[in-house]
Amino acid sequence: MPVWQRIYEEINDPDFVLICAAQDTGGEAAAGPIFDAAKPTYVQVVDENHLVSSAFNFVNVPSAAWIDEEGSIVRIDEGTYSKVHELGAGDQTIAFGTDVYGPALKDWVANGAQSKHVESAATVVGNIRKHSTDQQKADAAFCLGNLFRRHGLGDKADLYWELAAKLNPDSVNFIRQNLTLSEEGSAGEQFRAMRDNFERAGKDYYRPINIET
């Protein structure tokens, strides 16, 4: 988030609105301290039910959509890290992210529809993942699980979370959210095993970014 704050300040355009939605069932208690520490001046939203990811059918976070002044989506559904990051140390180091996304975003804000990074309507439509019936059921089950958890009904919460994962096993959002409740958290051994399984199976852990450097 500090890097996005720097990019936001460098863009410094009153017509550019950056909205960051934290997908976290822990709500303000979990996401608020992270926002507070970063001291962002752009818009921050805590999305307990992952409604943003469900609406755009993002498989993982962080992902983004670029929406122009006419309300049209001109890019969507990519792994939108602001730079290359590393977690862990030694053999356990995980590198992820890219350094190309921030400059591409700046180019779009500066050049609008003339930016080489604006994609055609056909490309955008092709990149929007279609919702299957099971995915829609999974989203509803996930929200029900969150509701029961907020009311202290852990067994019912687990039942609906497990149903959501069964109906949409490819949702990294669901998997990582569940891992936040485990002892090792969302970036531990289970997470690395899940990521490796996705890569071996050729599943989209993220859709690759199609940005020329």
C-alpha atoms as a PDB file:
ATOM      1  CA  MET A   1       0.000   0.000   0.000  1.00  0.00           C
ATOM      2  CA  PRO A   2       2.782   2.536   0.623  1.00  0.00           C
ATOM      3  CA  VAL A   3       3.914   2.030  -2.971  1.00  0.00           C
ATOM      4  CA  TRP A   4       0.400   2.689  -4.264  1.00  0.00           C
ATOM      5  CA  GLN A   5       0.306   5.839  -2.144  1.00  0.00           C
ATOM      6  CA  ARG A   6       3.524   6.996  -3.797  1.00  0.00           C
ATOM      7  CA  ILE A   7       2.147   6.232  -7.263  1.00  0.00           C
ATOM      8  CA  TYR A   8      -1.088   8.048  -6.424  1.00  0.00           C
ATOM      9  CA  GLU A   9       0.862  11.117  -5.304  1.00  0.00           C
ATOM     10  CA  GLU A  10       3.050  11.005  -8.420  1.00  0.00           C
ATOM     11  CA  ILE A  11      -0.003  10.884 -10.687  1.00  0.00           C
ATOM     12  CA  ASN A  12      -1.490  13.842  -8.788  1.00  0.00           C
ATOM     13  CA  ASP A  13      -4.502  14.199 -11.070  1.00  0.00           C
ATOM     14  CA  PRO A  14      -7.849  15.298  -9.548  1.00  0.00           C
ATOM     15  CA  ASP A  15      -9.701  13.350 -12.232  1.00  0.00           C
ATOM     16  CA  PHE A  16      -8.030  10.075 -11.234  1.00  0.00           C
ATOM     17  CA  VAL A  17      -9.764   8.130  -8.456  1.00  0.00           C
ATOM     18  CA  LEU A  18      -8.031   5.151  -6.880  1.00  0.00           C
ATOM     19  CA  ILE A  19     -10.278   2.850  -4.845  1.00  0.00           C
ATOM     20  CA  CYS A  20      -8.679   0.109  -2.764  1.00  0.00           C
ATOM     21  CA  ALA A  21     -11.061  -2.589  -1.516  1.00  0.00           C
ATOM     22  CA  ALA A  22      -9.714  -4.899   1.210  1.00  0.00           C
ATOM     23  CA  GLN A  23     -11.379  -8.300   0.760  1.00  0.00           C
ATOM     24  CA  ASP A  24     -11.351  -9.474   4.373  1.00  0.00           C
ATOM     25  CA  THR A  25     -14.090 -11.096   6.419  1.00  0.00           C
ATOM     26  CA  GLY A  26     -12.347  -9.731   9.508  1.00  0.00           C
ATOM     27  CA  GLY A  27     -13.738  -6.333   8.553  1.00  0.00           C
ATOM     28  CA  GLU A  28     -12.399  -3.092   9.962  1.00  0.00           C
ATOM     29  CA  ALA A  29     -10.660  -4.881  12.835  1.00  0.00           C
ATOM     30  CA  ALA A  30      -8.459  -6.810  10.387  1.00  0.00           C
ATOM     31  CA  ALA A  31      -8.040  -4.358   7.507  1.00  0.00           C
ATOM     32  CA  GLY A  32      -8.245  -1.037   9.349  1.00  0.00           C
ATOM     33  CA  PRO A  33      -4.807  -1.197  11.008  1.00  0.00           C
ATOM     34  CA  ILE A  34      -3.211  -1.979   7.634  1.00  0.00           C
ATOM     35  CA  PHE A  35      -4.866   1.070   6.078  1.00  0.00           C
ATOM     36  CA  ASP A  36      -3.958   3.200   9.084  1.00  0.00           C
ATOM     37  CA  ALA A  37      -0.300   2.185   8.929  1.00  0.00           C
ATOM     38  CA  ALA A  38      -0.077   3.008   5.218  1.00  0.00           C
ATOM     39  CA  LYS A  39      -1.816   6.384   5.688  1.00  0.00           C
ATOM     40  CA  PRO A  40      -3.323   6.357   2.186  1.00  0.00           C
ATOM     41  CA  THR A  41      -5.072   9.460   0.879  1.00  0.00           C
ATOM     42  CA  TYR A  42      -7.024   7.550  -1.778  1.00  0.00           C
ATOM     43  CA  VAL A  43     -10.391   5.855  -1.169  1.00  0.00           C
ATOM     44  CA  GLN A  44     -10.310   2.752   1.053  1.00  0.00           C
ATOM     45  CA  VAL A  45     -13.150   0.246   1.403  1.00  0.00           C
ATOM     46  CA  VAL A  46     -13.379  -2.850   3.618  1.00  0.00           C
ATOM     47  CA  ASP A  47     -15.300  -5.533   1.723  1.00  0.00           C
ATOM     48  CA  GLU A  48     -16.157  -8.273   4.214  1.00  0.00           C
ATOM     49  CA  ASN A  49     -18.130 -10.404   1.754  1.00  0.00           C
ATOM     50  CA  HIS A  50     -15.733 -10.080  -1.205  1.00  0.00           C
ATOM     51  CA  LEU A  51     -18.483  -8.395  -3.205  1.00  0.00           C
ATOM     52  CA  VAL A  52     -15.988  -6.614  -5.464  1.00  0.00           C
ATOM     53  CA  SER A  53     -14.223  -9.849  -6.381  1.00  0.00           C
ATOM     54  CA  SER A  54     -17.578 -11.553  -6.903  1.00  0.00           C
ATOM     55  CA  ALA A  55     -18.906  -8.753  -9.125  1.00  0.00           C
ATOM     56  CA  PHE A  56     -15.841  -8.790 -11.388  1.00  0.00           C
ATOM     57  CA  ASN A  57     -15.274 -12.552 -10.904  1.00  0.00           C
ATOM     58  CA  PHE A  58     -11.660 -12.035  -9.849  1.00  0.00           C
ATOM     59  CA  VAL A  59      -9.939 -15.307  -8.996  1.00  0.00           C
ATOM     60  CA  ASN A  60      -7.333 -13.701  -6.729  1.00  0.00           C
ATOM     61  CA  VAL A  61      -6.332 -10.430  -5.112  1.00  0.00           C
ATOM     62  CA  PRO A  62      -4.940  -7.916  -5.740  1.00  0.00           C
ATOM     63  CA  SER A  63      -6.716  -7.554  -9.068  1.00  0.00           C
ATOM     64  CA  ALA A  64      -8.132  -4.461 -10.690  1.00  0.00           C
ATOM     65  CA  ALA A  65     -10.352  -2.891 -13.293  1.00  0.00           C
ATOM     66  CA  TRP A  66      -9.602   0.366 -15.083  1.00  0.00           C
ATOM     67  CA  ILE A  67     -12.809   2.349 -15.588  1.00  0.00           C
ATOM     68  CA  ASP A  68     -12.723   5.454 -17.764  1.00  0.00           C
ATOM     69  CA  GLU A  69     -14.660   8.706 -17.387  1.00  0.00           C
ATOM     70  CA  GLU A  70     -17.503   7.273 -19.475  1.00  0.00           C
ATOM     71  CA  GLY A  71     -17.906   4.330 -17.103  1.00  0.00           C
ATOM     72  CA  SER A  72     -16.406   1.811 -19.541  1.00  0.00           C
ATOM     73  CA  ILE A  73     -13.939  -0.849 -18.408  1.00  0.00           C
ATOM     74  CA  VAL A  74     -10.727  -0.568 -20.436  1.00  0.00           C
ATOM     75  CA  ARG A  75      -8.612  -3.176 -18.587  1.00  0.00           C
ATOM     76  CA  ILE A  76      -9.652  -5.902 -16.184  1.00  0.00           C
ATOM     77  CA  ASP A  77      -8.555  -8.914 -14.136  1.00  0.00           C
ATOM     78  CA  GLU A  78      -4.785  -8.931 -13.786  1.00  0.00           C
ATOM     79  CA  GLY A  79      -2.384  -9.470 -10.912  1.00  0.00           C
ATOM     80  CA  THR A  80      -1.997  -5.804 -10.056  1.00  0.00           C
ATOM     81  CA  TYR A  81       0.953  -5.562  -7.710  1.00  0.00           C
ATOM     82  CA  SER A  82       2.618  -2.158  -7.720  1.00  0.00           C
ATOM     83  CA  LYS A  83       6.122  -3.665  -7.820  1.00  0.00           C
ATOM     84  CA  VAL A  84       8.040  -6.913  -7.380  1.00  0.00           C
ATOM     85  CA  HIS A  85       7.710  -8.140  -3.794  1.00  0.00           C
ATOM     86  CA  GLU A  86       9.463 -10.859  -1.805  1.00  0.00           C
ATOM     87  CA  LEU A  87       8.255 -12.807   1.220  1.00  0.00           C
ATOM     88  CA  GLY A  88      10.293 -15.119   3.424  1.00  0.00           C
ATOM     89  CA  ALA A  89      14.011 -15.752   3.439  1.00  0.00           C
ATOM     90  CA  GLY A  90      16.484 -18.168   1.892  1.00  0.00           C
ATOM     91  CA  ASP A  91      14.952 -21.207   0.199  1.00  0.00           C
ATOM     92  CA  GLN A  92      11.517 -20.142   1.453  1.00  0.00           C
ATOM     93  CA  THR A  93      11.584 -16.818  -0.405  1.00  0.00           C
ATOM     94  CA  ILE A  94       8.567 -16.152  -2.607  1.00  0.00           C
ATOM     95  CA  ALA A  95       8.898 -13.482  -5.301  1.00  0.00           C
ATOM     96  CA  PHE A  96       5.740 -12.083  -6.853  1.00  0.00           C
ATOM     97  CA  GLY A  97       4.447  -9.025  -8.628  1.00  0.00           C
ATOM     98  CA  THR A  98       5.805  -6.906 -11.451  1.00  0.00           C
ATOM     99  CA  ASP A  99       7.313  -3.470 -12.011  1.00  0.00           C
ATOM    100  CA  VAL A 100       5.370  -2.749 -15.215  1.00  0.00           C
ATOM    101  CA  TYR A 101       1.878  -2.107 -13.878  1.00  0.00           C
ATOM    102  CA  GLY A 102       2.485   1.240 -12.170  1.00  0.00           C
ATOM    103  CA  PRO A 103       4.052   2.887 -15.250  1.00  0.00           C
ATOM    104  CA  ALA A 104       1.217   1.547 -17.432  1.00  0.00           C
ATOM    105  CA  LEU A 105      -1.351   3.058 -15.091  1.00  0.00           C
ATOM    106  CA  LYS A 106       0.427   6.421 -15.211  1.00  0.00           C
ATOM    107  CA  ASP A 107       0.442   6.289 -19.000  1.00  0.00           C
ATOM    108  CA  TRP A 108      -3.310   5.661 -19.060  1.00  0.00           C
ATOM    109  CA  VAL A 109      -4.054   8.559 -16.704  1.00  0.00           C
ATOM    110  CA  ALA A 110      -1.873  10.865 -18.806  1.00  0.00           C
ATOM    111  CA  ASN A 111      -3.078   9.771 -22.247  1.00  0.00           C
ATOM    112  CA  GLY A 112      -6.568   8.420 -21.677  1.00  0.00           C
ATOM    113  CA  ALA A 113      -8.077   6.574 -24.620  1.00  0.00           C
ATOM    114  CA  GLN A 114      -4.863   7.136 -26.591  1.00  0.00           C
ATOM    115  CA  SER A 115      -2.802   5.105 -24.125  1.00  0.00           C
ATOM    116  CA  LYS A 116      -1.343   1.969 -25.678  1.00  0.00           C
ATOM    117  CA  HIS A 117      -2.468   0.101 -22.559  1.00  0.00           C
ATOM    118  CA  VAL A 118      -6.181   0.672 -23.175  1.00  0.00           C
ATOM    119  CA  GLU A 119      -7.708  -2.536 -24.477  1.00  0.00           C
ATOM    120  CA  SER A 120     -10.522  -2.866 -26.991  1.00  0.00           C
ATOM    121  CA  ALA A 121     -14.065  -3.621 -25.866  1.00  0.00           C
ATOM    122  CA  ALA A 122     -13.748  -7.085 -27.425  1.00  0.00           C
ATOM    123  CA  THR A 123     -10.564  -7.817 -25.454  1.00  0.00           C
ATOM    124  CA  VAL A 124     -12.092  -6.586 -22.209  1.00  0.00           C
ATOM    125  CA  VAL A 125     -15.227  -8.675 -22.729  1.00  0.00           C
ATOM    126  CA  GLY A 126     -13.049 -11.695 -23.482  1.00  0.00           C
ATOM    127  CA  ASN A 127     -11.115 -11.146 -20.244  1.00  0.00           C
ATOM    128  CA  ILE A 128     -14.233 -10.978 -18.055  1.00  0.00           C
ATOM    129  CA  ARG A 129     -14.709 -14.382 -16.512  1.00  0.00           C
ATOM    130  CA  LYS A 130     -18.278 -15.592 -16.967  1.00  0.00           C
ATOM    131  CA  HIS A 131     -20.124 -16.605 -13.804  1.00  0.00           C
ATOM    132  CA  SER A 132     -21.279 -20.220 -13.763  1.00  0.00           C
ATOM    133  CA  THR A 133     -24.316 -21.229 -11.730  1.00  0.00           C
ATOM    134  CA  ASP A 134     -22.051 -22.978  -9.221  1.00  0.00           C
ATOM    135  CA  GLN A 135     -19.924 -19.833  -8.834  1.00  0.00           C
ATOM    136  CA  GLN A 136     -23.009 -17.773  -8.066  1.00  0.00           C
ATOM    137  CA  LYS A 137     -24.107 -20.364  -5.505  1.00  0.00           C
ATOM    138  CA  ALA A 138     -20.587 -20.317  -4.046  1.00  0.00           C
ATOM    139  CA  ASP A 139     -20.696 -16.543  -3.605  1.00  0.00           C
ATOM    140  CA  ALA A 140     -24.018 -16.828  -1.760  1.00  0.00           C
ATOM    141  CA  ALA A 141     -22.712 -19.652   0.439  1.00  0.00           C
ATOM    142  CA  PHE A 142     -19.588 -17.635   1.256  1.00  0.00           C
ATOM    143  CA  CYS A 143     -21.708 -14.651   2.367  1.00  0.00           C
ATOM    144  CA  LEU A 144     -23.876 -16.929   4.517  1.00  0.00           C
ATOM    145  CA  GLY A 145     -20.756 -18.354   6.126  1.00  0.00           C
ATOM    146  CA  ASN A 146     -19.558 -14.854   6.934  1.00  0.00           C
ATOM    147  CA  LEU A 147     -22.934 -13.984   8.444  1.00  0.00           C
ATOM    148  CA  PHE A 148     -22.896 -17.018  10.724  1.00  0.00           C
ATOM    149  CA  ARG A 149     -19.302 -16.322  11.759  1.00  0.00           C
ATOM    150  CA  ARG A 150     -20.169 -12.743  12.722  1.00  0.00           C
ATOM    151  CA  HIS A 151     -22.920 -14.133  14.962  1.00  0.00           C
ATOM    152  CA  GLY A 152     -20.578 -16.616  16.628  1.00  0.00           C
ATOM    153  CA  LEU A 153     -21.979 -19.701  14.881  1.00  0.00           C
ATOM    154  CA  GLY A 154     -18.681 -21.236  13.852  1.00  0.00           C
ATOM    155  CA  ASP A 155     -19.986 -24.676  12.874  1.00  0.00           C
ATOM    156  CA  LYS A 156     -22.553 -23.233  10.488  1.00  0.00           C
ATOM    157  CA  ALA A 157     -19.983 -20.791   9.152  1.00  0.00           C
ATOM    158  CA  ASP A 158     -17.575 -23.627   8.377  1.00  0.00           C
ATOM    159  CA  LEU A 159     -20.357 -25.605   6.698  1.00  0.00           C
ATOM    160  CA  TYR A 160     -21.130 -22.813   4.239  1.00  0.00           C
ATOM    161  CA  TRP A 161     -17.496 -21.886   3.675  1.00  0.00           C
ATOM    162  CA  GLU A 162     -16.776 -25.509   2.789  1.00  0.00           C
ATOM    163  CA  LEU A 163     -19.766 -25.487   0.450  1.00  0.00           C
ATOM    164  CA  ALA A 164     -18.435 -22.335  -1.236  1.00  0.00           C
ATOM    165  CA  ALA A 165     -15.024 -23.956  -1.744  1.00  0.00           C
ATOM    166  CA  LYS A 166     -16.650 -27.112  -3.137  1.00  0.00           C
ATOM    167  CA  LEU A 167     -18.795 -25.144  -5.578  1.00  0.00           C
ATOM    168  CA  ASN A 168     -15.899 -22.902  -6.678  1.00  0.00           C
ATOM    169  CA  PRO A 169     -12.632 -24.716  -5.900  1.00  0.00           C
ATOM    170  CA  ASP A 170     -10.637 -22.417  -8.191  1.00  0.00           C
ATOM    171  CA  SER A 171     -11.345 -19.278  -6.156  1.00  0.00           C
ATOM    172  CA  VAL A 172      -8.029 -18.312  -4.612  1.00  0.00           C
ATOM    173  CA  ASN A 173      -9.962 -15.572  -2.793  1.00  0.00           C
ATOM    174  CA  PHE A 174     -11.901 -18.184  -0.835  1.00  0.00           C
ATOM    175  CA  ILE A 175      -8.817 -20.326  -0.177  1.00  0.00           C
ATOM    176  CA  ARG A 176      -6.675 -17.437   1.062  1.00  0.00           C
ATOM    177  CA  GLN A 177      -9.472 -16.036   3.213  1.00  0.00           C
ATOM    178  CA  ASN A 178      -9.859 -19.409   4.898  1.00  0.00           C
ATOM    179  CA  LEU A 179      -6.103 -19.571   5.500  1.00  0.00           C
ATOM    180  CA  THR A 180      -6.195 -16.263   7.387  1.00  0.00           C
ATOM    181  CA  LEU A 181      -8.045 -18.157  10.124  1.00  0.00           C
ATOM    182  CA  SER A 182      -5.352 -20.828  10.344  1.00  0.00           C
ATOM    183  CA  GLU A 183      -2.316 -20.662  12.604  1.00  0.00           C
ATOM    184  CA  GLU A 184       0.139 -20.157   9.740  1.00  0.00           C
ATOM    185  CA  GLY A 185      -1.902 -17.460   8.010  1.00  0.00           C
ATOM    186  CA  SER A 186      -2.402 -16.755   4.320  1.00  0.00           C
ATOM    187  CA  ALA A 187       1.240 -16.953   3.184  1.00  0.00           C
ATOM    188  CA  GLY A 188       2.480 -20.131   4.852  1.00  0.00           C
ATOM    189  CA  GLU A 189       3.132 -23.717   3.773  1.00  0.00           C
ATOM    190  CA  GLN A 190      -0.490 -24.431   2.814  1.00  0.00           C
ATOM    191  CA  PHE A 191      -0.542 -21.308   0.667  1.00  0.00           C
ATOM    192  CA  ARG A 192       2.678 -22.275  -1.129  1.00  0.00           C
ATOM    193  CA  ALA A 193       1.377 -25.798  -1.753  1.00  0.00           C
ATOM    194  CA  MET A 194      -1.869 -24.401  -3.140  1.00  0.00           C
ATOM    195  CA  ARG A 195       0.004 -22.027  -5.443  1.00  0.00           C
ATOM    196  CA  ASP A 196       2.267 -24.837  -6.696  1.00  0.00           C
ATOM    197  CA  ASN A 197      -0.768 -27.059  -7.370  1.00  0.00           C
ATOM    198  CA  PHE A 198      -2.429 -24.279  -9.350  1.00  0.00           C
ATOM    199  CA  GLU A 199       0.690 -23.733 -11.454  1.00  0.00           C
ATOM    200  CA  ARG A 200       1.160 -27.450 -12.139  1.00  0.00           C
ATOM    201  CA  ALA A 201      -2.474 -27.797 -13.184  1.00  0.00           C
ATOM    202  CA  GLY A 202      -2.271 -24.748 -15.450  1.00  0.00           C
ATOM    203  CA  LYS A 203      -4.977 -22.906 -13.499  1.00  0.00           C
ATOM    204  CA  ASP A 204      -5.050 -19.137 -13.275  1.00  0.00           C
ATOM    205  CA  TYR A 205      -3.526 -18.149  -9.963  1.00  0.00           C
ATOM    206  CA  TYR A 206      -3.581 -14.771 -11.684  1.00  0.00           C
ATOM    207  CA  ARG A 207      -4.267 -13.987 -15.310  1.00  0.00           C
ATOM    208  CA  PRO A 208      -0.874 -12.962 -16.747  1.00  0.00           C
ATOM    209  CA  ILE A 209      -0.404  -9.242 -17.316  1.00  0.00           C
ATOM    210  CA  ASN A 210      -0.265  -8.332 -20.988  1.00  0.00           C
ATOM    211  CA  ILE A 211       1.728  -5.099 -20.760  1.00  0.00           C
ATOM    212  CA  GLU A 212       4.635  -4.269 -23.020  1.00  0.00           C
ATOM    213  CA  THR A 213       7.618  -2.712 -21.251  1.00  0.00           C
END
